[in-house]
């Protein structure tokens, strides 16, 4: 894994950790703030997780395995996207780590994504996650 090109982003949401956690792990909520993406998983460590959606007229399926799941604190999973154009091999997977912590009645989320193959890929990942987190923030704070 390429830890030197670690994408990072963070957001603070004006809601308790329990509400933010529910939005992060409830497929109906995810579909609302993640641009119509359908998430399928049984939310158990070691189980698959799959994201299905449409982007620019093409259906895509991203996939991974849940690596860690500590309710209201930590969600970590491997992630592969065929949209990357890379072959589906272990060296092309990311590990995405999402950490939540209470922050004075709000919730702070910190995310990291490893194994970005180029500096531009790292920047693109940070931008994409930032857009998604701001959509999550609007969804939870409404």
N, C-alpha and C. Protein backbone atom coordinates (compact mmCIF):
# COMPACT_ATOMS: atom_id res chain seq x y z
N UNK A 1 0.83 -1.19 0.00
CA UNK A 1 0.00 0.00 0.00
C UNK A 1 0.87 1.24 0.00
N UNK A 2 0.38 2.29 -0.61
CA UNK A 2 1.15 3.51 -0.74
C UNK A 2 0.71 4.53 0.31
N UNK A 3 1.28 4.43 1.50
CA UNK A 3 0.91 5.31 2.60
C UNK A 3 1.40 6.73 2.37
N UNK A 4 2.36 6.94 1.47
CA UNK A 4 2.86 8.30 1.24
C UNK A 4 1.85 9.14 0.49
N UNK A 5 0.90 8.53 -0.17
CA UNK A 5 -0.14 9.28 -0.88
C UNK A 5 -1.49 9.03 -0.19
N UNK A 6 -1.54 9.37 1.06
CA UNK A 6 -2.73 9.17 1.87
C UNK A 6 -3.67 10.35 1.70
N UNK A 7 -4.87 10.09 1.20
CA UNK A 7 -5.88 11.14 1.09
C UNK A 7 -6.55 11.30 2.44
N UNK A 8 -6.77 12.53 2.84
CA UNK A 8 -7.41 12.82 4.13
C UNK A 8 -8.44 13.92 3.95
N UNK A 9 -9.53 13.78 4.67
CA UNK A 9 -10.52 14.85 4.74
C UNK A 9 -11.26 14.73 6.05
N UNK A 10 -11.91 15.81 6.45
CA UNK A 10 -12.63 15.83 7.73
C UNK A 10 -13.82 16.77 7.60
N UNK A 11 -14.78 16.55 8.48
CA UNK A 11 -15.95 17.44 8.55
C UNK A 11 -16.48 17.37 9.97
N UNK A 12 -17.08 18.47 10.41
CA UNK A 12 -17.79 18.49 11.68
C UNK A 12 -19.26 18.70 11.38
N UNK A 13 -20.10 17.84 11.95
CA UNK A 13 -21.53 17.86 11.70
C UNK A 13 -22.24 18.22 13.00
N UNK A 14 -23.20 19.14 12.91
CA UNK A 14 -23.95 19.60 14.08
C UNK A 14 -25.04 18.58 14.43
N UNK A 15 -24.60 17.44 14.95
CA UNK A 15 -25.49 16.37 15.37
C UNK A 15 -24.71 15.41 16.25
N UNK A 16 -25.41 14.69 17.12
CA UNK A 16 -24.72 13.70 17.96
C UNK A 16 -24.16 12.54 17.14
N UNK A 17 -23.16 11.88 17.69
CA UNK A 17 -22.49 10.77 17.02
C UNK A 17 -23.49 9.70 16.58
N UNK A 18 -24.47 9.38 17.41
CA UNK A 18 -25.44 8.32 17.07
C UNK A 18 -26.18 8.63 15.78
N UNK A 19 -26.56 9.89 15.57
CA UNK A 19 -27.26 10.27 14.34
C UNK A 19 -26.34 10.19 13.12
N UNK A 20 -25.12 10.62 13.27
CA UNK A 20 -24.16 10.57 12.16
C UNK A 20 -23.85 9.12 11.82
N UNK A 21 -23.64 8.29 12.83
CA UNK A 21 -23.37 6.87 12.60
C UNK A 21 -24.52 6.22 11.84
N UNK A 22 -25.73 6.52 12.25
CA UNK A 22 -26.90 5.95 11.58
C UNK A 22 -26.91 6.34 10.10
N UNK A 23 -26.59 7.59 9.80
CA UNK A 23 -26.55 8.04 8.40
C UNK A 23 -25.44 7.34 7.62
N UNK A 24 -24.33 7.05 8.28
CA UNK A 24 -23.20 6.39 7.60
C UNK A 24 -23.44 4.91 7.33
N UNK A 25 -24.37 4.29 8.07
CA UNK A 25 -24.53 2.84 7.98
C UNK A 25 -25.95 2.39 7.62
N UNK A 26 -26.80 3.30 7.21
CA UNK A 26 -28.17 2.95 6.82
C UNK A 26 -28.30 3.12 5.31
N UNK A 27 -28.52 2.03 4.57
CA UNK A 27 -28.57 2.12 3.11
C UNK A 27 -29.54 3.17 2.57
N UNK A 28 -30.71 3.34 3.17
CA UNK A 28 -31.67 4.34 2.67
C UNK A 28 -31.10 5.75 2.83
N UNK A 29 -30.42 6.00 3.93
CA UNK A 29 -29.80 7.32 4.13
C UNK A 29 -28.66 7.53 3.15
N UNK A 30 -27.83 6.52 2.99
CA UNK A 30 -26.68 6.61 2.08
C UNK A 30 -27.15 6.96 0.67
N UNK A 31 -28.23 6.35 0.25
CA UNK A 31 -28.77 6.61 -1.08
C UNK A 31 -29.15 8.09 -1.23
N UNK A 32 -29.60 8.70 -0.15
CA UNK A 32 -30.01 10.11 -0.17
C UNK A 32 -28.82 11.07 -0.34
N UNK A 33 -27.75 10.85 0.40
CA UNK A 33 -26.65 11.82 0.37
C UNK A 33 -25.48 11.39 -0.52
N UNK A 34 -25.47 10.12 -0.96
CA UNK A 34 -24.36 9.65 -1.80
C UNK A 34 -24.83 9.49 -3.24
N UNK A 35 -25.61 10.46 -3.69
CA UNK A 35 -25.95 10.60 -5.12
C UNK A 35 -26.63 9.37 -5.71
N UNK A 36 -27.55 8.76 -4.93
CA UNK A 36 -28.33 7.65 -5.43
C UNK A 36 -27.67 6.29 -5.35
N UNK A 37 -26.54 6.21 -4.66
CA UNK A 37 -25.81 4.94 -4.55
C UNK A 37 -26.55 3.97 -3.64
N UNK A 38 -26.65 2.73 -4.09
CA UNK A 38 -27.22 1.66 -3.28
C UNK A 38 -26.08 0.89 -2.63
N UNK A 39 -26.12 0.78 -1.31
CA UNK A 39 -25.10 0.04 -0.56
C UNK A 39 -25.71 -1.26 -0.08
N UNK A 40 -24.95 -2.34 -0.27
CA UNK A 40 -25.39 -3.66 0.17
C UNK A 40 -24.32 -4.24 1.09
N UNK A 41 -24.71 -4.59 2.30
CA UNK A 41 -23.81 -5.23 3.26
C UNK A 41 -24.63 -5.72 4.44
N UNK A 42 -24.07 -6.68 5.18
CA UNK A 42 -24.72 -7.09 6.43
C UNK A 42 -24.04 -6.40 7.63
N UNK A 43 -23.07 -5.52 7.36
CA UNK A 43 -22.42 -4.68 8.36
C UNK A 43 -21.76 -5.51 9.46
N UNK A 44 -21.06 -6.57 9.05
CA UNK A 44 -20.31 -7.42 9.97
C UNK A 44 -18.86 -7.47 9.49
N UNK A 45 -17.92 -7.37 10.43
CA UNK A 45 -16.50 -7.44 10.08
C UNK A 45 -16.22 -8.73 9.30
N UNK A 46 -15.51 -8.56 8.18
CA UNK A 46 -15.17 -9.69 7.32
C UNK A 46 -16.16 -9.90 6.18
N UNK A 47 -17.28 -9.19 6.22
CA UNK A 47 -18.31 -9.33 5.19
C UNK A 47 -18.07 -8.37 4.04
N UNK A 48 -18.60 -8.71 2.87
CA UNK A 48 -18.50 -7.80 1.73
C UNK A 48 -19.38 -6.57 1.90
N UNK A 49 -18.97 -5.53 1.22
CA UNK A 49 -19.77 -4.32 1.08
C UNK A 49 -19.69 -3.93 -0.38
N UNK A 50 -20.83 -3.51 -0.94
CA UNK A 50 -20.87 -3.18 -2.36
C UNK A 50 -21.68 -1.89 -2.55
N UNK A 51 -21.17 -1.02 -3.43
CA UNK A 51 -21.84 0.22 -3.78
C UNK A 51 -22.20 0.14 -5.26
N UNK A 52 -23.47 0.36 -5.59
CA UNK A 52 -23.93 0.31 -6.98
C UNK A 52 -24.60 1.62 -7.31
N UNK A 53 -24.24 2.20 -8.44
CA UNK A 53 -24.85 3.45 -8.87
C UNK A 53 -24.61 3.64 -10.35
N UNK A 54 -24.98 4.81 -10.80
CA UNK A 54 -24.76 5.18 -12.19
C UNK A 54 -23.96 6.47 -12.22
N UNK A 55 -22.98 6.52 -13.09
CA UNK A 55 -22.14 7.71 -13.22
C UNK A 55 -21.93 7.97 -14.70
N UNK A 56 -22.32 9.14 -15.15
CA UNK A 56 -22.17 9.55 -16.53
C UNK A 56 -22.73 8.51 -17.49
N UNK A 57 -23.93 7.96 -17.13
CA UNK A 57 -24.63 7.03 -18.00
C UNK A 57 -24.19 5.58 -17.90
N UNK A 58 -23.23 5.28 -17.04
CA UNK A 58 -22.74 3.90 -16.90
C UNK A 58 -23.01 3.41 -15.48
N UNK A 59 -23.48 2.19 -15.37
CA UNK A 59 -23.65 1.57 -14.06
C UNK A 59 -22.29 1.10 -13.56
N UNK A 60 -22.03 1.34 -12.29
CA UNK A 60 -20.78 0.86 -11.72
C UNK A 60 -21.05 0.12 -10.42
N UNK A 61 -20.15 -0.76 -10.09
CA UNK A 61 -20.18 -1.47 -8.82
C UNK A 61 -18.80 -1.36 -8.20
N UNK A 62 -18.74 -0.73 -7.04
CA UNK A 62 -17.52 -0.71 -6.23
C UNK A 62 -17.69 -1.77 -5.16
N UNK A 63 -16.58 -2.33 -4.70
CA UNK A 63 -16.70 -3.40 -3.72
C UNK A 63 -15.56 -3.36 -2.73
N UNK A 64 -15.77 -4.09 -1.64
CA UNK A 64 -14.74 -4.20 -0.61
C UNK A 64 -15.17 -5.16 0.47
N UNK A 65 -14.40 -5.16 1.54
CA UNK A 65 -14.64 -6.00 2.70
C UNK A 65 -14.60 -5.10 3.94
N UNK A 66 -15.54 -5.31 4.85
CA UNK A 66 -15.52 -4.55 6.11
C UNK A 66 -14.38 -5.09 6.97
N UNK A 67 -13.45 -4.21 7.32
CA UNK A 67 -12.27 -4.60 8.08
C UNK A 67 -12.43 -4.34 9.58
N UNK A 68 -13.05 -3.22 9.92
CA UNK A 68 -13.31 -2.88 11.32
C UNK A 68 -14.64 -2.15 11.38
N UNK A 69 -15.40 -2.42 12.44
CA UNK A 69 -16.67 -1.74 12.63
C UNK A 69 -16.92 -1.64 14.13
N UNK A 70 -16.72 -0.45 14.67
CA UNK A 70 -16.96 -0.18 16.07
C UNK A 70 -18.06 0.88 16.11
N UNK A 71 -19.30 0.47 16.44
CA UNK A 71 -20.42 1.41 16.36
C UNK A 71 -20.12 2.76 17.00
N UNK A 72 -20.47 3.80 16.24
CA UNK A 72 -20.34 5.20 16.65
C UNK A 72 -18.90 5.65 16.85
N UNK A 73 -17.93 4.84 16.39
CA UNK A 73 -16.52 5.23 16.53
C UNK A 73 -15.68 5.02 15.29
N UNK A 74 -15.79 3.83 14.64
CA UNK A 74 -14.85 3.49 13.58
C UNK A 74 -15.50 2.59 12.55
N UNK A 75 -15.24 2.92 11.28
CA UNK A 75 -15.70 2.11 10.16
C UNK A 75 -14.53 2.06 9.18
N UNK A 76 -14.00 0.85 8.93
CA UNK A 76 -12.87 0.72 8.03
C UNK A 76 -13.16 -0.42 7.06
N UNK A 77 -12.85 -0.19 5.78
CA UNK A 77 -13.13 -1.19 4.76
C UNK A 77 -12.14 -1.07 3.62
N UNK A 78 -11.97 -2.20 2.92
CA UNK A 78 -11.20 -2.15 1.68
C UNK A 78 -12.14 -1.66 0.59
N UNK A 79 -11.57 -1.13 -0.49
CA UNK A 79 -12.41 -0.57 -1.55
C UNK A 79 -11.71 -0.70 -2.89
N UNK A 80 -12.47 -1.21 -3.86
CA UNK A 80 -11.99 -1.27 -5.24
C UNK A 80 -13.08 -0.72 -6.14
N UNK A 81 -12.68 0.11 -7.10
CA UNK A 81 -13.61 0.65 -8.08
C UNK A 81 -13.13 0.29 -9.48
N UNK A 82 -14.00 -0.39 -10.23
CA UNK A 82 -13.67 -0.72 -11.62
C UNK A 82 -13.51 0.56 -12.45
N UNK A 83 -14.13 1.65 -11.98
CA UNK A 83 -13.99 2.93 -12.70
C UNK A 83 -12.55 3.41 -12.75
N UNK A 84 -11.70 2.86 -11.88
CA UNK A 84 -10.29 3.28 -11.87
C UNK A 84 -9.57 2.80 -13.13
N UNK A 85 -10.13 1.78 -13.79
CA UNK A 85 -9.48 1.22 -14.97
C UNK A 85 -8.41 0.19 -14.64
N UNK A 86 -8.10 0.04 -13.36
CA UNK A 86 -7.09 -0.93 -12.94
C UNK A 86 -7.71 -2.32 -12.84
N UNK A 87 -6.91 -3.35 -12.99
CA UNK A 87 -7.44 -4.71 -12.81
C UNK A 87 -7.81 -4.95 -11.34
N UNK A 88 -8.77 -5.83 -11.12
CA UNK A 88 -9.23 -6.16 -9.77
C UNK A 88 -8.22 -7.08 -9.09
N UNK A 89 -7.17 -6.44 -8.59
CA UNK A 89 -6.09 -7.13 -7.89
C UNK A 89 -5.87 -6.46 -6.54
N UNK A 90 -5.39 -7.21 -5.55
CA UNK A 90 -5.22 -6.64 -4.20
C UNK A 90 -4.43 -5.33 -4.18
N UNK A 91 -3.45 -5.20 -5.03
CA UNK A 91 -2.62 -3.97 -5.01
C UNK A 91 -3.38 -2.73 -5.48
N UNK A 92 -4.58 -2.91 -6.03
CA UNK A 92 -5.36 -1.76 -6.49
C UNK A 92 -6.51 -1.40 -5.55
N UNK A 93 -6.54 -2.02 -4.39
CA UNK A 93 -7.56 -1.70 -3.38
C UNK A 93 -7.05 -0.60 -2.47
N UNK A 94 -7.98 0.21 -1.99
CA UNK A 94 -7.70 1.20 -0.95
C UNK A 94 -8.19 0.63 0.37
N UNK A 95 -7.67 1.16 1.45
CA UNK A 95 -8.30 0.99 2.75
C UNK A 95 -8.82 2.37 3.14
N UNK A 96 -10.13 2.42 3.38
CA UNK A 96 -10.78 3.67 3.78
C UNK A 96 -11.10 3.54 5.27
N UNK A 97 -10.65 4.52 6.04
CA UNK A 97 -10.86 4.54 7.49
C UNK A 97 -11.67 5.79 7.84
N UNK A 98 -12.81 5.56 8.49
CA UNK A 98 -13.70 6.65 8.90
C UNK A 98 -13.78 6.60 10.43
N UNK A 99 -13.34 7.68 11.07
CA UNK A 99 -13.36 7.76 12.53
C UNK A 99 -14.30 8.87 12.96
N UNK A 100 -15.14 8.59 13.95
CA UNK A 100 -16.07 9.57 14.49
C UNK A 100 -15.71 9.85 15.94
N UNK A 101 -15.89 11.11 16.33
CA UNK A 101 -15.72 11.42 17.75
C UNK A 101 -16.59 12.61 18.10
N UNK A 102 -17.16 12.56 19.32
CA UNK A 102 -18.00 13.68 19.76
C UNK A 102 -17.15 14.93 19.92
N UNK A 103 -17.78 16.06 19.62
CA UNK A 103 -17.07 17.34 19.69
C UNK A 103 -18.06 18.40 20.15
N UNK A 104 -18.34 18.42 21.47
CA UNK A 104 -19.21 19.43 22.04
C UNK A 104 -20.62 19.45 21.45
N UNK A 105 -21.28 18.33 21.39
CA UNK A 105 -22.63 18.25 20.82
C UNK A 105 -22.64 18.06 19.32
N UNK A 106 -21.47 18.14 18.71
CA UNK A 106 -21.32 17.90 17.28
C UNK A 106 -20.55 16.58 17.10
N UNK A 107 -20.35 16.20 15.86
CA UNK A 107 -19.55 15.02 15.56
C UNK A 107 -18.46 15.37 14.57
N UNK A 108 -17.26 15.02 14.88
CA UNK A 108 -16.12 15.20 13.98
C UNK A 108 -15.88 13.88 13.27
N UNK A 109 -15.80 13.92 11.93
CA UNK A 109 -15.46 12.74 11.15
C UNK A 109 -14.11 13.00 10.48
N UNK A 110 -13.20 12.05 10.65
CA UNK A 110 -11.92 12.08 9.96
C UNK A 110 -11.85 10.86 9.06
N UNK A 111 -11.49 11.06 7.82
CA UNK A 111 -11.39 9.97 6.85
C UNK A 111 -10.01 9.95 6.24
N UNK A 112 -9.50 8.74 6.03
CA UNK A 112 -8.26 8.58 5.26
C UNK A 112 -8.47 7.46 4.25
N UNK A 113 -7.82 7.60 3.12
CA UNK A 113 -7.85 6.59 2.06
C UNK A 113 -6.43 6.38 1.58
N UNK A 114 -5.93 5.17 1.74
CA UNK A 114 -4.55 4.91 1.36
C UNK A 114 -4.44 4.42 -0.09
N UNK A 115 -3.23 4.16 -0.49
CA UNK A 115 -2.91 3.51 -1.76
C UNK A 115 -3.38 4.28 -3.00
N UNK A 116 -3.25 5.59 -2.96
CA UNK A 116 -3.55 6.39 -4.14
C UNK A 116 -2.33 6.36 -5.05
N UNK A 117 -2.49 5.92 -6.31
CA UNK A 117 -1.33 5.64 -7.15
C UNK A 117 -0.53 6.86 -7.59
N UNK A 118 -1.16 8.03 -7.60
CA UNK A 118 -0.47 9.26 -8.01
C UNK A 118 -0.88 10.39 -7.08
N UNK A 119 -0.12 11.47 -7.13
CA UNK A 119 -0.48 12.64 -6.34
C UNK A 119 -1.83 13.21 -6.81
N UNK A 120 -2.09 13.17 -8.11
CA UNK A 120 -3.37 13.66 -8.62
C UNK A 120 -4.52 12.77 -8.13
N UNK A 121 -4.31 11.46 -8.08
CA UNK A 121 -5.34 10.55 -7.56
C UNK A 121 -5.63 10.85 -6.09
N UNK A 122 -4.58 11.18 -5.33
CA UNK A 122 -4.77 11.54 -3.92
C UNK A 122 -5.62 12.80 -3.81
N UNK A 123 -5.30 13.81 -4.61
CA UNK A 123 -6.06 15.06 -4.58
C UNK A 123 -7.51 14.84 -5.02
N UNK A 124 -7.69 14.04 -6.06
CA UNK A 124 -9.05 13.73 -6.53
C UNK A 124 -9.86 13.02 -5.45
N UNK A 125 -9.23 12.08 -4.75
CA UNK A 125 -9.92 11.36 -3.68
C UNK A 125 -10.33 12.33 -2.58
N UNK A 126 -9.43 13.23 -2.19
CA UNK A 126 -9.78 14.21 -1.16
C UNK A 126 -10.94 15.08 -1.60
N UNK A 127 -10.95 15.50 -2.84
CA UNK A 127 -12.05 16.33 -3.34
C UNK A 127 -13.36 15.54 -3.35
N UNK A 128 -13.32 14.31 -3.83
CA UNK A 128 -14.53 13.48 -3.88
C UNK A 128 -15.09 13.23 -2.48
N UNK A 129 -14.22 12.88 -1.53
CA UNK A 129 -14.69 12.65 -0.17
C UNK A 129 -15.22 13.92 0.46
N UNK A 130 -14.60 15.04 0.18
CA UNK A 130 -15.08 16.31 0.72
C UNK A 130 -16.49 16.62 0.21
N UNK A 131 -16.73 16.41 -1.07
CA UNK A 131 -18.07 16.62 -1.64
C UNK A 131 -19.08 15.70 -0.96
N UNK A 132 -18.72 14.43 -0.80
CA UNK A 132 -19.64 13.48 -0.17
C UNK A 132 -19.90 13.86 1.28
N UNK A 133 -18.87 14.27 2.02
CA UNK A 133 -19.06 14.65 3.43
C UNK A 133 -19.94 15.88 3.57
N UNK A 134 -19.81 16.82 2.65
CA UNK A 134 -20.67 18.01 2.73
C UNK A 134 -22.12 17.65 2.40
N UNK A 135 -22.31 16.68 1.53
CA UNK A 135 -23.66 16.18 1.26
C UNK A 135 -24.21 15.46 2.50
N UNK A 136 -23.37 14.67 3.15
CA UNK A 136 -23.76 14.00 4.40
C UNK A 136 -24.13 15.05 5.45
N UNK A 137 -23.33 16.07 5.58
CA UNK A 137 -23.58 17.14 6.56
C UNK A 137 -24.94 17.79 6.31
N UNK A 138 -25.23 18.14 5.05
CA UNK A 138 -26.54 18.73 4.72
C UNK A 138 -27.67 17.77 5.06
N UNK A 139 -27.47 16.48 4.76
CA UNK A 139 -28.50 15.47 5.02
C UNK A 139 -28.79 15.36 6.53
N UNK A 140 -27.75 15.24 7.34
CA UNK A 140 -27.92 15.04 8.78
C UNK A 140 -28.44 16.31 9.46
N UNK A 141 -27.98 17.47 9.03
CA UNK A 141 -28.35 18.72 9.70
C UNK A 141 -29.70 19.30 9.27
N UNK A 142 -30.35 18.68 8.28
CA UNK A 142 -31.62 19.25 7.80
C UNK A 142 -32.72 19.22 8.83
